[in-house]
Amino acid sequence: MMTVRPACLWLVVRVLAVGLVVALPGGCRSGEPLEPRKPVAIIFDTDMGTDVDDAGALAILHVMADQGEAEVLATMSANRNRWCAPALDAINTYYGRADLPIGCSRTGPDPE
């Protein structure tokens, strides 16, 4: 059975108390509305190939744009995968941004 020394326990209690005092006021609202933030302009550069993480990241970016947190300026592929540009176009179109420019690399690696 593990025994806890009173001095060690007292130190843990003090650290937690200080942490609460520091953290709680930051989470309280003053009642005043926050200033609206300007959307972050983003060019999405991907190495989309045989995995799905980049498609998920682009989907999240489009949702952030729908919420006014981001402005998607363009999407581009950093590799020569022949399906990357059509995949980018399909995702952009699905989220209502079929007019986004799509750039493709001519010198990057081909993951196929």
PDB file of N, CA and C in Angstrom:
ATOM      1  N   MET A   1       0.834  -1.177   0.000  1.00  0.00           N
ATOM      2  CA  MET A   1       0.000   0.000   0.000  1.00  0.00           C
ATOM      3  C   MET A   1       0.883   1.245   0.000  1.00  0.00           C
ATOM      4  N   MET A   2       0.513   2.219  -0.807  1.00  0.00           N
ATOM      5  CA  MET A   2       1.297   3.433  -0.921  1.00  0.00           C
ATOM      6  C   MET A   2       0.856   4.453   0.124  1.00  0.00           C
ATOM      7  N   THR A   3       1.817   5.053   0.787  1.00  0.00           N
ATOM      8  CA  THR A   3       1.486   6.098   1.762  1.00  0.00           C
ATOM      9  C   THR A   3       1.861   7.443   1.179  1.00  0.00           C
ATOM     10  N   VAL A   4       1.050   8.422   1.461  1.00  0.00           N
ATOM     11  CA  VAL A   4       1.282   9.777   0.966  1.00  0.00           C
ATOM     12  C   VAL A   4       1.723  10.635   2.136  1.00  0.00           C
ATOM     13  N   ARG A   5       2.851  11.282   1.964  1.00  0.00           N
ATOM     14  CA  ARG A   5       3.342  12.160   3.021  1.00  0.00           C
ATOM     15  C   ARG A   5       2.508  13.428   3.050  1.00  0.00           C
ATOM     16  N   PRO A   6       2.215  13.942   4.230  1.00  0.00           N
ATOM     17  CA  PRO A   6       1.399  15.159   4.345  1.00  0.00           C
ATOM     18  C   PRO A   6       2.008  16.347   3.604  1.00  0.00           C
ATOM     19  N   ALA A   7       3.328  16.483   3.607  1.00  0.00           N
ATOM     20  CA  ALA A   7       3.964  17.612   2.918  1.00  0.00           C
ATOM     21  C   ALA A   7       3.740  17.522   1.418  1.00  0.00           C
ATOM     22  N   CYS A   8       3.802  16.309   0.878  1.00  0.00           N
ATOM     23  CA  CYS A   8       3.580  16.107  -0.555  1.00  0.00           C
ATOM     24  C   CYS A   8       2.123  16.391  -0.916  1.00  0.00           C
ATOM     25  N   LEU A   9       1.215  15.925  -0.090  1.00  0.00           N
ATOM     26  CA  LEU A   9      -0.207  16.169  -0.320  1.00  0.00           C
ATOM     27  C   LEU A   9      -0.517  17.662  -0.256  1.00  0.00           C
ATOM     28  N   TRP A  10       0.072  18.351   0.703  1.00  0.00           N
ATOM     29  CA  TRP A  10      -0.144  19.791   0.840  1.00  0.00           C
ATOM     30  C   TRP A  10       0.373  20.528  -0.401  1.00  0.00           C
ATOM     31  N   LEU A  11       1.491  20.084  -0.964  1.00  0.00           N
ATOM     32  CA  LEU A  11       2.036  20.701  -2.171  1.00  0.00           C
ATOM     33  C   LEU A  11       1.083  20.519  -3.348  1.00  0.00           C
ATOM     34  N   VAL A  12       0.518  19.339  -3.499  1.00  0.00           N
ATOM     35  CA  VAL A  12      -0.434  19.074  -4.578  1.00  0.00           C
ATOM     36  C   VAL A  12      -1.662  19.965  -4.434  1.00  0.00           C
ATOM     37  N   VAL A  13      -2.173  20.100  -3.223  1.00  0.00           N
ATOM     38  CA  VAL A  13      -3.345  20.956  -2.983  1.00  0.00           C
ATOM     39  C   VAL A  13      -3.023  22.401  -3.327  1.00  0.00           C
ATOM     40  N   ARG A  14      -1.849  22.878  -2.963  1.00  0.00           N
ATOM     41  CA  ARG A  14      -1.474  24.269  -3.257  1.00  0.00           C
ATOM     42  C   ARG A  14      -1.340  24.501  -4.759  1.00  0.00           C
ATOM     43  N   VAL A  15      -0.730  23.550  -5.453  1.00  0.00           N
ATOM     44  CA  VAL A  15      -0.569  23.688  -6.908  1.00  0.00           C
ATOM     45  C   VAL A  15      -1.932  23.715  -7.590  1.00  0.00           C
ATOM     46  N   LEU A  16      -2.835  22.840  -7.186  1.00  0.00           N
ATOM     47  CA  LEU A  16      -4.185  22.833  -7.768  1.00  0.00           C
ATOM     48  C   LEU A  16      -4.929  24.126  -7.471  1.00  0.00           C
ATOM     49  N   ALA A  17      -4.791  24.642  -6.260  1.00  0.00           N
ATOM     50  CA  ALA A  17      -5.468  25.889  -5.897  1.00  0.00           C
ATOM     51  C   ALA A  17      -4.948  27.052  -6.733  1.00  0.00           C
ATOM     52  N   VAL A  18      -3.640  27.132  -6.889  1.00  0.00           N
ATOM     53  CA  VAL A  18      -3.064  28.206  -7.710  1.00  0.00           C
ATOM     54  C   VAL A  18      -3.510  28.051  -9.156  1.00  0.00           C
ATOM     55  N   GLY A  19      -3.537  26.826  -9.653  1.00  0.00           N
ATOM     56  CA  GLY A  19      -3.992  26.592 -11.022  1.00  0.00           C
ATOM     57  C   GLY A  19      -5.424  27.036 -11.241  1.00  0.00           C
ATOM     58  N   LEU A  20      -6.297  26.760 -10.288  1.00  0.00           N
ATOM     59  CA  LEU A  20      -7.690  27.197 -10.407  1.00  0.00           C
ATOM     60  C   LEU A  20      -7.808  28.711 -10.377  1.00  0.00           C
ATOM     61  N   VAL A  21      -7.048  29.349  -9.501  1.00  0.00           N
ATOM     62  CA  VAL A  21      -7.099  30.811  -9.412  1.00  0.00           C
ATOM     63  C   VAL A  21      -6.637  31.441 -10.719  1.00  0.00           C
ATOM     64  N   VAL A  22      -5.644  30.849 -11.350  1.00  0.00           N
ATOM     65  CA  VAL A  22      -5.128  31.389 -12.609  1.00  0.00           C
ATOM     66  C   VAL A  22      -6.061  31.070 -13.771  1.00  0.00           C
ATOM     67  N   ALA A  23      -6.623  29.870 -13.808  1.00  0.00           N
ATOM     68  CA  ALA A  23      -7.405  29.423 -14.962  1.00  0.00           C
ATOM     69  C   ALA A  23      -8.833  29.939 -14.972  1.00  0.00           C
ATOM     70  N   LEU A  24      -9.474  30.024 -13.849  1.00  0.00           N
ATOM     71  CA  LEU A  24     -10.893  30.381 -13.828  1.00  0.00           C
ATOM     72  C   LEU A  24     -11.203  31.776 -14.352  1.00  0.00           C
ATOM     73  N   PRO A  25     -10.470  32.812 -13.968  1.00  0.00           N
ATOM     74  CA  PRO A  25     -10.826  34.138 -14.504  1.00  0.00           C
ATOM     75  C   PRO A  25     -10.726  34.222 -16.019  1.00  0.00           C
ATOM     76  N   GLY A  26      -9.837  33.462 -16.634  1.00  0.00           N
ATOM     77  CA  GLY A  26      -9.714  33.473 -18.087  1.00  0.00           C
ATOM     78  C   GLY A  26     -10.923  32.893 -18.781  1.00  0.00           C
ATOM     79  N   GLY A  27     -11.630  32.001 -18.117  1.00  0.00           N
ATOM     80  CA  GLY A  27     -12.809  31.387 -18.713  1.00  0.00           C
ATOM     81  C   GLY A  27     -14.084  32.167 -18.485  1.00  0.00           C
ATOM     82  N   CYS A  28     -14.043  33.185 -17.646  1.00  0.00           N
ATOM     83  CA  CYS A  28     -15.238  33.984 -17.357  1.00  0.00           C
ATOM     84  C   CYS A  28     -15.415  35.044 -18.430  1.00  0.00           C
ATOM     85  N   ARG A  29     -16.627  35.263 -18.809  1.00  0.00           N
ATOM     86  CA  ARG A  29     -16.910  36.287 -19.812  1.00  0.00           C
ATOM     87  C   ARG A  29     -17.319  37.581 -19.128  1.00  0.00           C
ATOM     88  N   SER A  30     -16.989  38.676 -19.756  1.00  0.00           N
ATOM     89  CA  SER A  30     -17.324  39.971 -19.181  1.00  0.00           C
ATOM     90  C   SER A  30     -18.713  40.429 -19.586  1.00  0.00           C
ATOM     91  N   GLY A  31     -19.373  39.694 -20.449  1.00  0.00           N
ATOM     92  CA  GLY A  31     -20.695  40.097 -20.903  1.00  0.00           C
ATOM     93  C   GLY A  31     -20.647  40.905 -22.189  1.00  0.00           C
ATOM     94  N   GLU A  32     -19.466  41.380 -22.544  1.00  0.00           N
ATOM     95  CA  GLU A  32     -19.329  42.145 -23.776  1.00  0.00           C
ATOM     96  C   GLU A  32     -19.088  41.172 -24.929  1.00  0.00           C
ATOM     97  N   PRO A  33     -19.708  41.424 -26.085  1.00  0.00           N
ATOM     98  CA  PRO A  33     -19.480  40.529 -27.222  1.00  0.00           C
ATOM     99  C   PRO A  33     -18.041  40.646 -27.719  1.00  0.00           C
ATOM    100  N   LEU A  34     -17.516  39.529 -28.178  1.00  0.00           N
ATOM    101  CA  LEU A  34     -16.172  39.528 -28.738  1.00  0.00           C
ATOM    102  C   LEU A  34     -16.182  40.188 -30.109  1.00  0.00           C
ATOM    103  N   GLU A  35     -15.071  40.821 -30.433  1.00  0.00           N
ATOM    104  CA  GLU A  35     -14.962  41.425 -31.760  1.00  0.00           C
ATOM    105  C   GLU A  35     -14.891  40.314 -32.801  1.00  0.00           C
ATOM    106  N   PRO A  36     -15.614  40.461 -33.904  1.00  0.00           N
ATOM    107  CA  PRO A  36     -15.537  39.425 -34.940  1.00  0.00           C
ATOM    108  C   PRO A  36     -14.128  39.384 -35.529  1.00  0.00           C
ATOM    109  N   ARG A  37     -13.649  38.182 -35.743  1.00  0.00           N
ATOM    110  CA  ARG A  37     -12.320  38.017 -36.327  1.00  0.00           C
ATOM    111  C   ARG A  37     -12.425  37.961 -37.840  1.00  0.00           C
ATOM    112  N   LYS A  38     -11.396  38.448 -38.465  1.00  0.00           N
ATOM    113  CA  LYS A  38     -11.307  38.389 -39.914  1.00  0.00           C
ATOM    114  C   LYS A  38     -10.917  36.961 -40.310  1.00  0.00           C
ATOM    115  N   PRO A  39     -11.562  36.381 -41.334  1.00  0.00           N
ATOM    116  CA  PRO A  39     -11.202  35.019 -41.746  1.00  0.00           C
ATOM    117  C   PRO A  39      -9.739  34.940 -42.187  1.00  0.00           C
ATOM    118  N   VAL A  40      -9.106  33.830 -41.896  1.00  0.00           N
ATOM    119  CA  VAL A  40      -7.714  33.603 -42.278  1.00  0.00           C
ATOM    120  C   VAL A  40      -7.686  33.127 -43.731  1.00  0.00           C
ATOM    121  N   ALA A  41      -6.927  33.823 -44.573  1.00  0.00           N
ATOM    122  CA  ALA A  41      -6.799  33.441 -45.983  1.00  0.00           C
ATOM    123  C   ALA A  41      -5.830  32.261 -46.095  1.00  0.00           C
ATOM    124  N   ILE A  42      -6.274  31.194 -46.771  1.00  0.00           N
ATOM    125  CA  ILE A  42      -5.485  29.962 -46.836  1.00  0.00           C
ATOM    126  C   ILE A  42      -5.406  29.439 -48.267  1.00  0.00           C
ATOM    127  N   ILE A  43      -4.191  29.057 -48.673  1.00  0.00           N
ATOM    128  CA  ILE A  43      -3.982  28.274 -49.890  1.00  0.00           C
ATOM    129  C   ILE A  43      -3.652  26.863 -49.408  1.00  0.00           C
ATOM    130  N   PHE A  44      -4.499  25.910 -49.737  1.00  0.00           N
ATOM    131  CA  PHE A  44      -4.351  24.534 -49.250  1.00  0.00           C
ATOM    132  C   PHE A  44      -3.423  23.767 -50.172  1.00  0.00           C
ATOM    133  N   ASP A  45      -2.236  23.428 -49.683  1.00  0.00           N
ATOM    134  CA  ASP A  45      -1.231  22.683 -50.446  1.00  0.00           C
ATOM    135  C   ASP A  45      -1.195  21.262 -49.899  1.00  0.00           C
ATOM    136  N   THR A  46      -1.443  20.289 -50.747  1.00  0.00           N
ATOM    137  CA  THR A  46      -1.569  18.906 -50.301  1.00  0.00           C
ATOM    138  C   THR A  46      -0.676  17.971 -51.096  1.00  0.00           C
ATOM    139  N   ASP A  47      -0.361  16.850 -50.478  1.00  0.00           N
ATOM    140  CA  ASP A  47       0.327  15.772 -51.195  1.00  0.00           C
ATOM    141  C   ASP A  47      -0.630  14.588 -51.323  1.00  0.00           C
ATOM    142  N   MET A  48      -1.893  14.905 -51.536  1.00  0.00           N
ATOM    143  CA  MET A  48      -2.942  13.884 -51.583  1.00  0.00           C
ATOM    144  C   MET A  48      -2.543  12.766 -52.538  1.00  0.00           C
ATOM    145  N   GLY A  49      -2.624  11.570 -52.028  1.00  0.00           N
ATOM    146  CA  GLY A  49      -2.258  10.415 -52.835  1.00  0.00           C
ATOM    147  C   GLY A  49      -3.121   9.230 -52.464  1.00  0.00           C
ATOM    148  N   THR A  50      -2.495   8.266 -51.818  1.00  0.00           N
ATOM    149  CA  THR A  50      -3.203   7.028 -51.510  1.00  0.00           C
ATOM    150  C   THR A  50      -3.788   6.997 -50.101  1.00  0.00           C
ATOM    151  N   ASP A  51      -3.620   8.052 -49.335  1.00  0.00           N
ATOM    152  CA  ASP A  51      -4.199   8.092 -47.996  1.00  0.00           C
ATOM    153  C   ASP A  51      -5.318   9.132 -47.939  1.00  0.00           C
ATOM    154  N   VAL A  52      -6.054   9.158 -46.847  1.00  0.00           N
ATOM    155  CA  VAL A  52      -7.254  10.001 -46.791  1.00  0.00           C
ATOM    156  C   VAL A  52      -7.109  11.206 -45.869  1.00  0.00           C
ATOM    157  N   ASP A  53      -5.963  11.378 -45.229  1.00  0.00           N
ATOM    158  CA  ASP A  53      -5.845  12.465 -44.263  1.00  0.00           C
ATOM    159  C   ASP A  53      -5.982  13.841 -44.907  1.00  0.00           C
ATOM    160  N   ASP A  54      -5.475  13.999 -46.116  1.00  0.00           N
ATOM    161  CA  ASP A  54      -5.567  15.300 -46.786  1.00  0.00           C
ATOM    162  C   ASP A  54      -7.000  15.621 -47.198  1.00  0.00           C
ATOM    163  N   ALA A  55      -7.756  14.620 -47.604  1.00  0.00           N
ATOM    164  CA  ALA A  55      -9.169  14.842 -47.947  1.00  0.00           C
ATOM    165  C   ALA A  55      -9.937  15.292 -46.711  1.00  0.00           C
ATOM    166  N   GLY A  56      -9.653  14.677 -45.579  1.00  0.00           N
ATOM    167  CA  GLY A  56     -10.296  15.088 -44.328  1.00  0.00           C
ATOM    168  C   GLY A  56      -9.908  16.493 -43.922  1.00  0.00           C
ATOM    169  N   ALA A  57      -8.629  16.833 -44.085  1.00  0.00           N
ATOM    170  CA  ALA A  57      -8.170  18.181 -43.747  1.00  0.00           C
ATOM    171  C   ALA A  57      -8.845  19.225 -44.635  1.00  0.00           C
ATOM    172  N   LEU A  58      -8.997  18.917 -45.920  1.00  0.00           N
ATOM    173  CA  LEU A  58      -9.664  19.855 -46.826  1.00  0.00           C
ATOM    174  C   LEU A  58     -11.137  20.004 -46.467  1.00  0.00           C
ATOM    175  N   ALA A  59     -11.776  18.917 -46.074  1.00  0.00           N
ATOM    176  CA  ALA A  59     -13.178  18.992 -45.650  1.00  0.00           C
ATOM    177  C   ALA A  59     -13.317  19.884 -44.421  1.00  0.00           C
ATOM    178  N   ILE A  60     -12.409  19.732 -43.462  1.00  0.00           N
ATOM    179  CA  ILE A  60     -12.439  20.584 -42.264  1.00  0.00           C
ATOM    180  C   ILE A  60     -12.223  22.039 -42.646  1.00  0.00           C
ATOM    181  N   LEU A  61     -11.306  22.292 -43.574  1.00  0.00           N
ATOM    182  CA  LEU A  61     -11.056  23.662 -44.023  1.00  0.00           C
ATOM    183  C   LEU A  61     -12.308  24.273 -44.641  1.00  0.00           C
ATOM    184  N   HIS A  62     -13.027  23.512 -45.446  1.00  0.00           N
ATOM    185  CA  HIS A  62     -14.262  24.021 -46.048  1.00  0.00           C
ATOM    186  C   HIS A  62     -15.316  24.334 -44.984  1.00  0.00           C
ATOM    187  N   VAL A  63     -15.417  23.503 -43.968  1.00  0.00           N
ATOM    188  CA  VAL A  63     -16.366  23.774 -42.880  1.00  0.00           C
ATOM    189  C   VAL A  63     -15.963  25.047 -42.144  1.00  0.00           C
ATOM    190  N   MET A  64     -14.667  25.232 -41.919  1.00  0.00           N
ATOM    191  CA  MET A  64     -14.204  26.466 -41.279  1.00  0.00           C
ATOM    192  C   MET A  64     -14.523  27.677 -42.149  1.00  0.00           C
ATOM    193  N   ALA A  65     -14.427  27.526 -43.460  1.00  0.00           N
ATOM    194  CA  ALA A  65     -14.790  28.616 -44.370  1.00  0.00           C
ATOM    195  C   ALA A  65     -16.290  28.886 -44.298  1.00  0.00           C
ATOM    196  N   ASP A  66     -17.091  27.828 -44.196  1.00  0.00           N
ATOM    197  CA  ASP A  66     -18.542  28.005 -44.058  1.00  0.00           C
ATOM    198  C   ASP A  66     -18.892  28.767 -42.784  1.00  0.00           C
ATOM    199  N   GLN A  67     -18.083  28.605 -41.740  1.00  0.00           N
ATOM    200  CA  GLN A  67     -18.327  29.271 -40.464  1.00  0.00           C
ATOM    201  C   GLN A  67     -17.682  30.648 -40.389  1.00  0.00           C
ATOM    202  N   GLY A  68     -17.020  31.071 -41.465  1.00  0.00           N
ATOM    203  CA  GLY A  68     -16.411  32.395 -41.499  1.00  0.00           C
ATOM    204  C   GLY A  68     -15.054  32.484 -40.823  1.00  0.00           C
ATOM    205  N   GLU A  69     -14.446  31.350 -40.491  1.00  0.00           N
ATOM    206  CA  GLU A  69     -13.147  31.358 -39.832  1.00  0.00           C
ATOM    207  C   GLU A  69     -11.986  31.321 -40.819  1.00  0.00           C
ATOM    208  N   ALA A  70     -12.252  30.910 -42.047  1.00  0.00           N
ATOM    209  CA  ALA A  70     -11.202  30.801 -43.059  1.00  0.00           C
ATOM    210  C   ALA A  70     -11.744  31.256 -44.402  1.00  0.00           C
ATOM    211  N   GLU A  71     -10.828  31.678 -45.258  1.00  0.00           N
ATOM    212  CA  GLU A  71     -11.163  32.001 -46.648  1.00  0.00           C
ATOM    213  C   GLU A  71     -10.229  31.165 -47.520  1.00  0.00           C
ATOM    214  N   VAL A  72     -10.783  30.221 -48.258  1.00  0.00           N
ATOM    215  CA  VAL A  72      -9.972  29.347 -49.103  1.00  0.00           C
ATOM    216  C   VAL A  72      -9.691  30.088 -50.405  1.00  0.00           C
ATOM    217  N   LEU A  73      -8.416  30.371 -50.665  1.00  0.00           N
ATOM    218  CA  LEU A  73      -8.032  31.102 -51.874  1.00  0.00           C
ATOM    219  C   LEU A  73      -7.789  30.162 -53.049  1.00  0.00           C
ATOM    220  N   ALA A  74      -7.216  28.998 -52.776  1.00  0.00           N
ATOM    221  CA  ALA A  74      -6.899  28.026 -53.829  1.00  0.00           C
ATOM    222  C   ALA A  74      -6.536  26.704 -53.174  1.00  0.00           C
ATOM    223  N   THR A  75      -6.556  25.650 -53.983  1.00  0.00           N
ATOM    224  CA  THR A  75      -6.064  24.347 -53.542  1.00  0.00           C
ATOM    225  C   THR A  75      -5.019  23.892 -54.546  1.00  0.00           C
ATOM    226  N   MET A  76      -4.033  23.135 -54.068  1.00  0.00           N
ATOM    227  CA  MET A  76      -2.988  22.689 -54.982  1.00  0.00           C
ATOM    228  C   MET A  76      -2.397  21.367 -54.536  1.00  0.00           C
ATOM    229  N   SER A  77      -1.826  20.667 -55.492  1.00  0.00           N
ATOM    230  CA  SER A  77      -1.216  19.367 -55.252  1.00  0.00           C
ATOM    231  C   SER A  77       0.297  19.483 -55.356  1.00  0.00           C
ATOM    232  N   ALA A  78       0.998  18.918 -54.380  1.00  0.00           N
ATOM    233  CA  ALA A  78       2.459  18.947 -54.385  1.00  0.00           C
ATOM    234  C   ALA A  78       3.057  17.692 -55.011  1.00  0.00           C
ATOM    235  N   ASN A  79       2.213  16.822 -55.546  1.00  0.00           N
ATOM    236  CA  ASN A  79       2.743  15.641 -56.228  1.00  0.00           C
ATOM    237  C   ASN A  79       2.064  15.484 -57.587  1.00  0.00           C
ATOM    238  N   ARG A  80       2.501  14.475 -58.348  1.00  0.00           N
ATOM    239  CA  ARG A  80       1.981  14.296 -59.706  1.00  0.00           C
ATOM    240  C   ARG A  80       0.927  13.207 -59.803  1.00  0.00           C
ATOM    241  N   ASN A  81       0.291  12.867 -58.717  1.00  0.00           N
ATOM    242  CA  ASN A  81      -0.766  11.857 -58.754  1.00  0.00           C
ATOM    243  C   ASN A  81      -1.874  12.330 -59.687  1.00  0.00           C
ATOM    244  N   ARG A  82      -2.222  11.508 -60.667  1.00  0.00           N
ATOM    245  CA  ARG A  82      -3.204  11.927 -61.687  1.00  0.00           C
ATOM    246  C   ARG A  82      -4.597  12.132 -61.116  1.00  0.00           C
ATOM    247  N   TRP A  83      -4.887  11.593 -59.945  1.00  0.00           N
ATOM    248  CA  TRP A  83      -6.222  11.718 -59.356  1.00  0.00           C
ATOM    249  C   TRP A  83      -6.319  12.852 -58.337  1.00  0.00           C
ATOM    250  N   CYS A  84      -5.220  13.506 -58.051  1.00  0.00           N
ATOM    251  CA  CYS A  84      -5.240  14.544 -57.020  1.00  0.00           C
ATOM    252  C   CYS A  84      -6.098  15.739 -57.424  1.00  0.00           C
ATOM    253  N   ALA A  85      -5.877  16.285 -58.600  1.00  0.00           N
ATOM    254  CA  ALA A  85      -6.667  17.448 -59.035  1.00  0.00           C
ATOM    255  C   ALA A  85      -8.154  17.115 -59.140  1.00  0.00           C
ATOM    256  N   PRO A  86      -8.544  15.976 -59.741  1.00  0.00           N
ATOM    257  CA  PRO A  86      -9.970  15.647 -59.754  1.00  0.00           C
ATOM    258  C   PRO A  86     -10.552  15.465 -58.347  1.00  0.00           C
ATOM    259  N   ALA A  87      -9.761  14.912 -57.419  1.00  0.00           N
ATOM    260  CA  ALA A  87     -10.250  14.754 -56.045  1.00  0.00           C
ATOM    261  C   ALA A  87     -10.435  16.113 -55.383  1.00  0.00           C
ATOM    262  N   LEU A  88      -9.471  17.018 -55.579  1.00  0.00           N
ATOM    263  CA  LEU A  88      -9.608  18.374 -55.038  1.00  0.00           C
ATOM    264  C   LEU A  88     -10.844  19.054 -55.615  1.00  0.00           C
ATOM    265  N   ASP A  89     -11.042  18.911 -56.918  1.00  0.00           N
ATOM    266  CA  ASP A  89     -12.203  19.515 -57.568  1.00  0.00           C
ATOM    267  C   ASP A  89     -13.507  18.939 -57.011  1.00  0.00           C
ATOM    268  N   ALA A  90     -13.552  17.633 -56.796  1.00  0.00           N
ATOM    269  CA  ALA A  90     -14.770  17.000 -56.271  1.00  0.00           C
ATOM    270  C   ALA A  90     -15.087  17.502 -54.861  1.00  0.00           C
ATOM    271  N   ILE A  91     -14.060  17.603 -54.017  1.00  0.00           N
ATOM    272  CA  ILE A  91     -14.288  18.079 -52.645  1.00  0.00           C
ATOM    273  C   ILE A  91     -14.689  19.544 -52.654  1.00  0.00           C
ATOM    274  N   ASN A  92     -13.991  20.365 -53.447  1.00  0.00           N
ATOM    275  CA  ASN A  92     -14.342  21.790 -53.532  1.00  0.00           C
ATOM    276  C   ASN A  92     -15.772  21.968 -54.036  1.00  0.00           C
ATOM    277  N   THR A  93     -16.156  21.206 -55.045  1.00  0.00           N
ATOM    278  CA  THR A  93     -17.504  21.294 -55.609  1.00  0.00           C
ATOM    279  C   THR A  93     -18.545  20.849 -54.591  1.00  0.00           C
ATOM    280  N   TYR A  94     -18.263  19.780 -53.864  1.00  0.00           N
ATOM    281  CA  TYR A  94     -19.199  19.289 -52.850  1.00  0.00           C
ATOM    282  C   TYR A  94     -19.505  20.376 -51.826  1.00  0.00           C
ATOM    283  N   TYR A  95     -18.499  21.158 -51.461  1.00  0.00           N
ATOM    284  CA  TYR A  95     -18.690  22.214 -50.469  1.00  0.00           C
ATOM    285  C   TYR A  95     -19.082  23.554 -51.095  1.00  0.00           C
ATOM    286  N   GLY A  96     -19.477  23.541 -52.376  1.00  0.00           N
ATOM    287  CA  GLY A  96     -19.986  24.749 -53.013  1.00  0.00           C
ATOM    288  C   GLY A  96     -18.921  25.723 -53.474  1.00  0.00           C
ATOM    289  N   ARG A  97     -17.712  25.250 -53.673  1.00  0.00           N
ATOM    290  CA  ARG A  97     -16.630  26.124 -54.120  1.00  0.00           C
ATOM    291  C   ARG A  97     -15.974  25.558 -55.380  1.00  0.00           C
ATOM    292  N   ALA A  98     -16.799  25.280 -56.376  1.00  0.00           N
ATOM    293  CA  ALA A  98     -16.297  24.700 -57.628  1.00  0.00           C
ATOM    294  C   ALA A  98     -15.395  25.657 -58.390  1.00  0.00           C
ATOM    295  N   ASP A  99     -15.465  26.939 -58.073  1.00  0.00           N
ATOM    296  CA  ASP A  99     -14.683  27.937 -58.801  1.00  0.00           C
ATOM    297  C   ASP A  99     -13.286  28.156 -58.215  1.00  0.00           C
ATOM    298  N   LEU A 100     -12.912  27.420 -57.182  1.00  0.00           N
ATOM    299  CA  LEU A 100     -11.582  27.604 -56.599  1.00  0.00           C
ATOM    300  C   LEU A 100     -10.497  27.167 -57.580  1.00  0.00           C
ATOM    301  N   PRO A 101      -9.434  27.951 -57.707  1.00  0.00           N
ATOM    302  CA  PRO A 101      -8.318  27.523 -58.554  1.00  0.00           C
ATOM    303  C   PRO A 101      -7.649  26.273 -57.979  1.00  0.00           C
ATOM    304  N   ILE A 102      -7.206  25.386 -58.873  1.00  0.00           N
ATOM    305  CA  ILE A 102      -6.505  24.167 -58.473  1.00  0.00           C
ATOM    306  C   ILE A 102      -5.171  24.139 -59.205  1.00  0.00           C
ATOM    307  N   GLY A 103      -4.093  24.060 -58.446  1.00  0.00           N
ATOM    308  CA  GLY A 103      -2.761  23.975 -59.031  1.00  0.00           C
ATOM    309  C   GLY A 103      -2.210  22.574 -58.885  1.00  0.00           C
ATOM    310  N   CYS A 104      -1.400  22.155 -59.862  1.00  0.00           N
ATOM    311  CA  CYS A 104      -0.796  20.819 -59.830  1.00  0.00           C
ATOM    312  C   CYS A 104       0.694  20.921 -60.111  1.00  0.00           C
ATOM    313  N   SER A 105       1.470  20.121 -59.396  1.00  0.00           N
ATOM    314  CA  SER A 105       2.911  20.082 -59.591  1.00  0.00           C
ATOM    315  C   SER A 105       3.254  19.254 -60.824  1.00  0.00           C
ATOM    316  N   ARG A 106       4.277  19.686 -61.533  1.00  0.00           N
ATOM    317  CA  ARG A 106       4.762  18.908 -62.678  1.00  0.00           C
ATOM    318  C   ARG A 106       6.067  18.204 -62.339  1.00  0.00           C
ATOM    319  N   THR A 107       6.636  18.528 -61.188  1.00  0.00           N
ATOM    320  CA  THR A 107       7.946  17.977 -60.843  1.00  0.00           C
ATOM    321  C   THR A 107       7.942  17.168 -59.555  1.00  0.00           C
ATOM    322  N   GLY A 108       6.854  17.148 -58.824  1.00  0.00           N
ATOM    323  CA  GLY A 108       6.806  16.428 -57.554  1.00  0.00           C
ATOM    324  C   GLY A 108       6.787  14.929 -57.744  1.00  0.00           C
ATOM    325  N   PRO A 109       6.838  14.187 -56.639  1.00  0.00           N
ATOM    326  CA  PRO A 109       6.822  12.725 -56.731  1.00  0.00           C
ATOM    327  C   PRO A 109       5.464  12.200 -57.175  1.00  0.00           C
ATOM    328  N   ASP A 110       5.480  11.030 -57.786  1.00  0.00           N
ATOM    329  CA  ASP A 110       4.239  10.355 -58.168  1.00  0.00           C
ATOM    330  C   ASP A 110       4.056   9.177 -57.218  1.00  0.00           C
ATOM    331  N   PRO A 111       3.081   9.252 -56.296  1.00  0.00           N
ATOM    332  CA  PRO A 111       2.946   8.214 -55.279  1.00  0.00           C
ATOM    333  C   PRO A 111       2.393   6.894 -55.795  1.00  0.00           C
ATOM    334  N   GLU A 112       1.980   6.818 -57.047  1.00  0.00           N
ATOM    335  CA  GLU A 112       1.411   5.559 -57.564  1.00  0.00           C
ATOM    336  C   GLU A 112       2.478   4.541 -57.868  1.00  0.00           C
TER     337      GLU A 112
END
